């Protein structure tokens, strides 16, 4: 299966849904962009990581990373594998002791974790 590597371009306020934000992803060549509507808490978590802001207390995504690190589980990649009825579907691909672990995730949570792990984000050419 072909995979397209993505990068996070940024966040903007969503014009289509009140109180929501648009997470903008792009391919490495900046030829295609993918806007994903996300909620305010996820947008905040992503923005804090993009801006390298330190918080007094860990956010939920920081807590997940700390727990996974303590259990020696490492996030290897995020894969956005489907778009259906305007909803993106993603998997978190972890590794523990050389064994792969695939976990279903909301795309906004997957991106927030990918930024914390500095791991690649992929999708399919169709998306």
Protein backbone atom coordinates (compact mmCIF):
# COMPACT_ATOMS: atom_id res chain seq x y z
CA UNK A 1 0.00 0.00 0.00
CA UNK A 2 1.32 3.43 -0.96
CA UNK A 3 1.58 5.95 1.83
CA UNK A 4 1.83 9.72 1.57
CA UNK A 5 3.78 11.46 4.30
CA UNK A 6 2.05 14.49 5.79
CA UNK A 7 3.08 17.48 7.85
CA UNK A 8 1.10 19.83 10.05
CA UNK A 9 0.77 23.25 8.45
CA UNK A 10 -1.21 24.80 11.27
CA UNK A 11 -4.56 25.54 12.81
CA UNK A 12 -7.28 28.02 12.03
CA UNK A 13 -10.73 28.78 13.32
CA UNK A 14 -13.34 26.74 11.43
CA UNK A 15 -15.74 28.79 9.36
CA UNK A 16 -18.04 25.79 8.92
CA UNK A 17 -18.63 24.87 12.59
CA UNK A 18 -18.93 27.26 15.52
CA UNK A 19 -16.45 26.56 18.30
CA UNK A 20 -14.38 24.23 16.12
CA UNK A 21 -10.97 24.55 14.50
CA UNK A 22 -9.48 23.36 11.24
CA UNK A 23 -6.25 21.39 11.46
CA UNK A 24 -4.44 21.78 8.14
CA UNK A 25 -2.21 18.94 6.94
CA UNK A 26 -0.21 18.92 3.73
CA UNK A 27 1.91 16.50 1.76
CA UNK A 28 5.67 17.10 1.84
CA UNK A 29 5.65 18.88 -1.53
CA UNK A 30 2.79 21.22 -0.47
CA UNK A 31 0.74 20.11 -3.47
CA UNK A 32 -2.30 18.94 -1.51
CA UNK A 33 -3.88 20.09 1.73
CA UNK A 34 -6.22 18.26 4.06
CA UNK A 35 -8.42 20.32 6.40
CA UNK A 36 -9.71 18.37 9.40
CA UNK A 37 -12.33 19.90 11.69
CA UNK A 38 -11.38 19.32 15.33
CA UNK A 39 -12.60 20.41 18.74
CA UNK A 40 -11.19 23.15 20.93
CA UNK A 41 -9.38 20.88 23.47
CA UNK A 42 -7.55 19.00 20.71
CA UNK A 43 -6.73 22.25 18.90
CA UNK A 44 -5.32 23.65 22.16
CA UNK A 45 -3.20 20.54 22.73
CA UNK A 46 -1.86 20.65 19.16
CA UNK A 47 -1.19 24.41 19.30
CA UNK A 48 0.68 24.11 22.60
CA UNK A 49 2.92 21.42 21.11
CA UNK A 50 3.47 23.32 17.84
CA UNK A 51 4.46 26.45 19.76
CA UNK A 52 6.60 24.50 22.27
CA UNK A 53 4.70 26.01 25.20
CA UNK A 54 5.32 24.44 28.59
CA UNK A 55 2.23 23.94 30.77
CA UNK A 56 2.24 23.74 34.56
CA UNK A 57 0.36 20.46 34.53
CA UNK A 58 0.34 17.77 31.83
CA UNK A 59 -2.44 17.83 29.26
CA UNK A 60 -4.19 14.56 28.41
CA UNK A 61 -1.91 13.89 25.42
CA UNK A 62 1.15 14.53 27.59
CA UNK A 63 -0.21 12.07 30.14
CA UNK A 64 -0.75 9.41 27.46
CA UNK A 65 2.84 9.86 26.24
CA UNK A 66 4.24 9.72 29.78
CA UNK A 67 2.29 6.53 30.47
CA UNK A 68 3.36 4.91 27.20
CA UNK A 69 6.98 5.90 27.81
CA UNK A 70 6.86 4.42 31.33
CA UNK A 71 5.54 1.17 29.84
CA UNK A 72 8.25 1.28 27.15
CA UNK A 73 5.72 1.60 24.34
CA UNK A 74 6.78 3.92 21.50
CA UNK A 75 4.58 5.53 18.87
CA UNK A 76 6.14 4.73 15.48
CA UNK A 77 3.62 6.38 13.14
CA UNK A 78 0.12 7.70 12.63
CA UNK A 79 -1.85 6.44 9.65
CA UNK A 80 -4.97 8.26 8.42
CA UNK A 81 -6.50 5.44 6.44
CA UNK A 82 -10.07 6.42 5.60
CA UNK A 83 -12.36 9.37 4.98
CA UNK A 84 -16.04 8.54 5.17
CA UNK A 85 -18.94 10.99 5.41
CA UNK A 86 -16.52 13.78 6.35
CA UNK A 87 -14.93 11.76 9.18
CA UNK A 88 -11.26 10.79 9.11
CA UNK A 89 -10.22 7.43 10.59
CA UNK A 90 -6.74 6.93 12.00
CA UNK A 91 -4.56 4.28 13.61
CA UNK A 92 -1.78 4.76 16.10
CA UNK A 93 1.01 2.29 15.31
CA UNK A 94 2.95 1.63 18.51
CA UNK A 95 5.81 -0.75 19.18
CA UNK A 96 6.52 -2.55 22.46
CA UNK A 97 9.47 -4.93 22.79
CA UNK A 98 9.62 -5.21 19.00
CA UNK A 99 5.93 -6.09 18.71
CA UNK A 100 3.57 -3.84 16.74
CA UNK A 101 0.42 -2.57 18.44
CA UNK A 102 -2.29 -0.90 16.34
CA UNK A 103 -4.86 1.27 18.14
CA UNK A 104 -7.84 3.06 16.61
CA UNK A 105 -7.80 6.80 17.30
CA UNK A 106 -9.57 10.02 16.51
CA UNK A 107 -7.38 11.82 14.01
CA UNK A 108 -7.06 14.91 16.19
CA UNK A 109 -5.75 12.82 19.10
CA UNK A 110 -3.43 10.91 16.77
CA UNK A 111 -1.91 14.15 15.46
CA UNK A 112 -1.50 15.55 18.98
CA UNK A 113 0.42 12.41 19.94
CA UNK A 114 2.44 12.33 16.71
CA UNK A 115 3.69 15.84 17.46
CA UNK A 116 4.74 14.79 20.95
CA UNK A 117 6.59 11.74 19.64
CA UNK A 118 7.92 13.54 16.57
CA UNK A 119 6.80 10.55 14.52
CA UNK A 120 5.62 10.50 10.90
CA UNK A 121 2.01 11.00 9.85
CA UNK A 122 0.84 9.14 6.74
CA UNK A 123 -2.28 8.84 4.65
CA UNK A 124 -3.31 7.15 1.42
CA UNK A 125 -3.06 8.80 -2.01
CA UNK A 126 -6.87 8.61 -2.26
CA UNK A 127 -7.36 10.82 0.81
